[in-house]
Amino acid sequence: MVDACLEKDHRQRADIIGISSLITERFMLCLDDLLRAHASKAKSDTSKSLQKQRETTASSTNSTNTQKLT
């Protein structure tokens, strides 16, 4: 890709349309990877948050049940 931009002969050098056609696919793949990583992290954070809520609820329920027994 860089070679296409650094040609000595200006007639063989890629213009802005040529450059954009060279980088579009690579850019879209990088953007896709970034969005996938972001979604995965958000899902992981949500899962951890739900697990903490369940643990808190379970411990509250257990302590309430223990108090009722005494």
C-alpha atoms as a PDB file:
ATOM      1  CA  MET A   1       0.000   0.000   0.000  1.00  0.00           C
ATOM      2  CA  VAL A   2       2.793   2.427   0.868  1.00  0.00           C
ATOM      3  CA  ASP A   3       4.625   1.500  -2.317  1.00  0.00           C
ATOM      4  CA  ALA A   4       1.670   2.706  -4.385  1.00  0.00           C
ATOM      5  CA  CYS A   5       1.934   6.129  -2.731  1.00  0.00           C
ATOM      6  CA  LEU A   6       5.706   6.463  -3.095  1.00  0.00           C
ATOM      7  CA  GLU A   7       6.192   5.769  -6.800  1.00  0.00           C
ATOM      8  CA  LYS A   8       8.882   7.949  -8.397  1.00  0.00           C
ATOM      9  CA  ASP A   9       6.855   8.477 -11.543  1.00  0.00           C
ATOM     10  CA  HIS A  10       3.884  10.686 -10.687  1.00  0.00           C
ATOM     11  CA  ARG A  11       1.799   9.100 -13.454  1.00  0.00           C
ATOM     12  CA  GLN A  12       2.024   5.708 -11.744  1.00  0.00           C
ATOM     13  CA  ARG A  13       1.420   7.150  -8.281  1.00  0.00           C
ATOM     14  CA  ALA A  14      -2.063   6.568  -6.874  1.00  0.00           C
ATOM     15  CA  ASP A  15      -4.390   9.560  -6.657  1.00  0.00           C
ATOM     16  CA  ILE A  16      -6.773  10.115  -3.739  1.00  0.00           C
ATOM     17  CA  ILE A  17      -9.359   7.754  -5.212  1.00  0.00           C
ATOM     18  CA  GLY A  18      -6.727   5.084  -5.739  1.00  0.00           C
ATOM     19  CA  ILE A  19      -5.445   5.498  -2.196  1.00  0.00           C
ATOM     20  CA  SER A  20      -8.938   5.313  -0.727  1.00  0.00           C
ATOM     21  CA  SER A  21      -9.649   2.139  -2.662  1.00  0.00           C
ATOM     22  CA  LEU A  22      -6.410   0.655  -1.310  1.00  0.00           C
ATOM     23  CA  ILE A  23      -7.150   1.415   2.348  1.00  0.00           C
ATOM     24  CA  THR A  24     -10.921   0.899   2.518  1.00  0.00           C
ATOM     25  CA  GLU A  25     -10.918  -2.860   3.051  1.00  0.00           C
ATOM     26  CA  ARG A  26      -8.112  -2.756   5.616  1.00  0.00           C
ATOM     27  CA  PHE A  27      -9.758   0.131   7.479  1.00  0.00           C
ATOM     28  CA  MET A  28     -13.110  -1.654   7.590  1.00  0.00           C
ATOM     29  CA  LEU A  29     -11.490  -4.834   8.948  1.00  0.00           C
ATOM     30  CA  CYS A  30      -9.729  -2.857  11.690  1.00  0.00           C
ATOM     31  CA  LEU A  31     -12.953  -1.053  12.553  1.00  0.00           C
ATOM     32  CA  ASP A  32     -14.807  -4.372  12.686  1.00  0.00           C
ATOM     33  CA  ASP A  33     -12.186  -5.807  15.065  1.00  0.00           C
ATOM     34  CA  LEU A  34     -12.419  -2.713  17.261  1.00  0.00           C
ATOM     35  CA  LEU A  35     -16.213  -2.874  17.458  1.00  0.00           C
ATOM     36  CA  ARG A  36     -16.118  -6.614  18.169  1.00  0.00           C
ATOM     37  CA  ALA A  37     -13.629  -6.090  21.019  1.00  0.00           C
ATOM     38  CA  HIS A  38     -15.755  -3.270  22.435  1.00  0.00           C
ATOM     39  CA  ALA A  39     -18.920  -5.382  22.322  1.00  0.00           C
ATOM     40  CA  SER A  40     -17.122  -8.316  23.933  1.00  0.00           C
ATOM     41  CA  LYS A  41     -15.818  -6.121  26.763  1.00  0.00           C
ATOM     42  CA  ALA A  42     -19.252  -4.576  27.323  1.00  0.00           C
ATOM     43  CA  LYS A  43     -20.823  -8.032  27.464  1.00  0.00           C
ATOM     44  CA  SER A  44     -18.168  -9.191  29.933  1.00  0.00           C
ATOM     45  CA  ASP A  45     -18.673  -6.119  32.144  1.00  0.00           C
ATOM     46  CA  THR A  46     -22.447  -6.615  32.114  1.00  0.00           C
ATOM     47  CA  SER A  47     -22.048 -10.276  32.998  1.00  0.00           C
ATOM     48  CA  LYS A  48     -19.775  -9.432  35.942  1.00  0.00           C
ATOM     49  CA  SER A  49     -22.201  -6.767  37.136  1.00  0.00           C
ATOM     50  CA  LEU A  50     -25.132  -9.198  37.040  1.00  0.00           C
ATOM     51  CA  GLN A  51     -23.104 -11.807  38.921  1.00  0.00           C
ATOM     52  CA  LYS A  52     -22.288  -9.285  41.673  1.00  0.00           C
ATOM     53  CA  GLN A  53     -25.972  -8.339  41.920  1.00  0.00           C
ATOM     54  CA  ARG A  54     -26.940 -11.997  42.293  1.00  0.00           C
ATOM     55  CA  GLU A  55     -24.316 -12.536  44.993  1.00  0.00           C
ATOM     56  CA  THR A  56     -25.482  -9.443  46.869  1.00  0.00           C
ATOM     57  CA  THR A  57     -29.120 -10.487  46.590  1.00  0.00           C
ATOM     58  CA  ALA A  58     -28.316 -14.034  47.695  1.00  0.00           C
ATOM     59  CA  SER A  59     -26.326 -12.868  50.726  1.00  0.00           C
ATOM     60  CA  SER A  60     -29.117 -10.423  51.681  1.00  0.00           C
ATOM     61  CA  THR A  61     -31.692 -13.187  51.386  1.00  0.00           C
ATOM     62  CA  ASN A  62     -29.542 -15.545  53.465  1.00  0.00           C
ATOM     63  CA  SER A  63     -29.037 -12.982  56.229  1.00  0.00           C
ATOM     64  CA  THR A  64     -32.778 -12.192  56.253  1.00  0.00           C
ATOM     65  CA  ASN A  65     -33.615 -15.899  56.514  1.00  0.00           C
ATOM     66  CA  THR A  66     -31.076 -16.318  59.318  1.00  0.00           C
ATOM     67  CA  GLN A  67     -32.600 -13.403  61.235  1.00  0.00           C
ATOM     68  CA  LYS A  68     -36.085 -14.903  60.867  1.00  0.00           C
ATOM     69  CA  LEU A  69     -34.868 -18.191  62.330  1.00  0.00           C
ATOM     70  CA  THR A  70     -33.470 -16.564  65.460  1.00  0.00           C
END
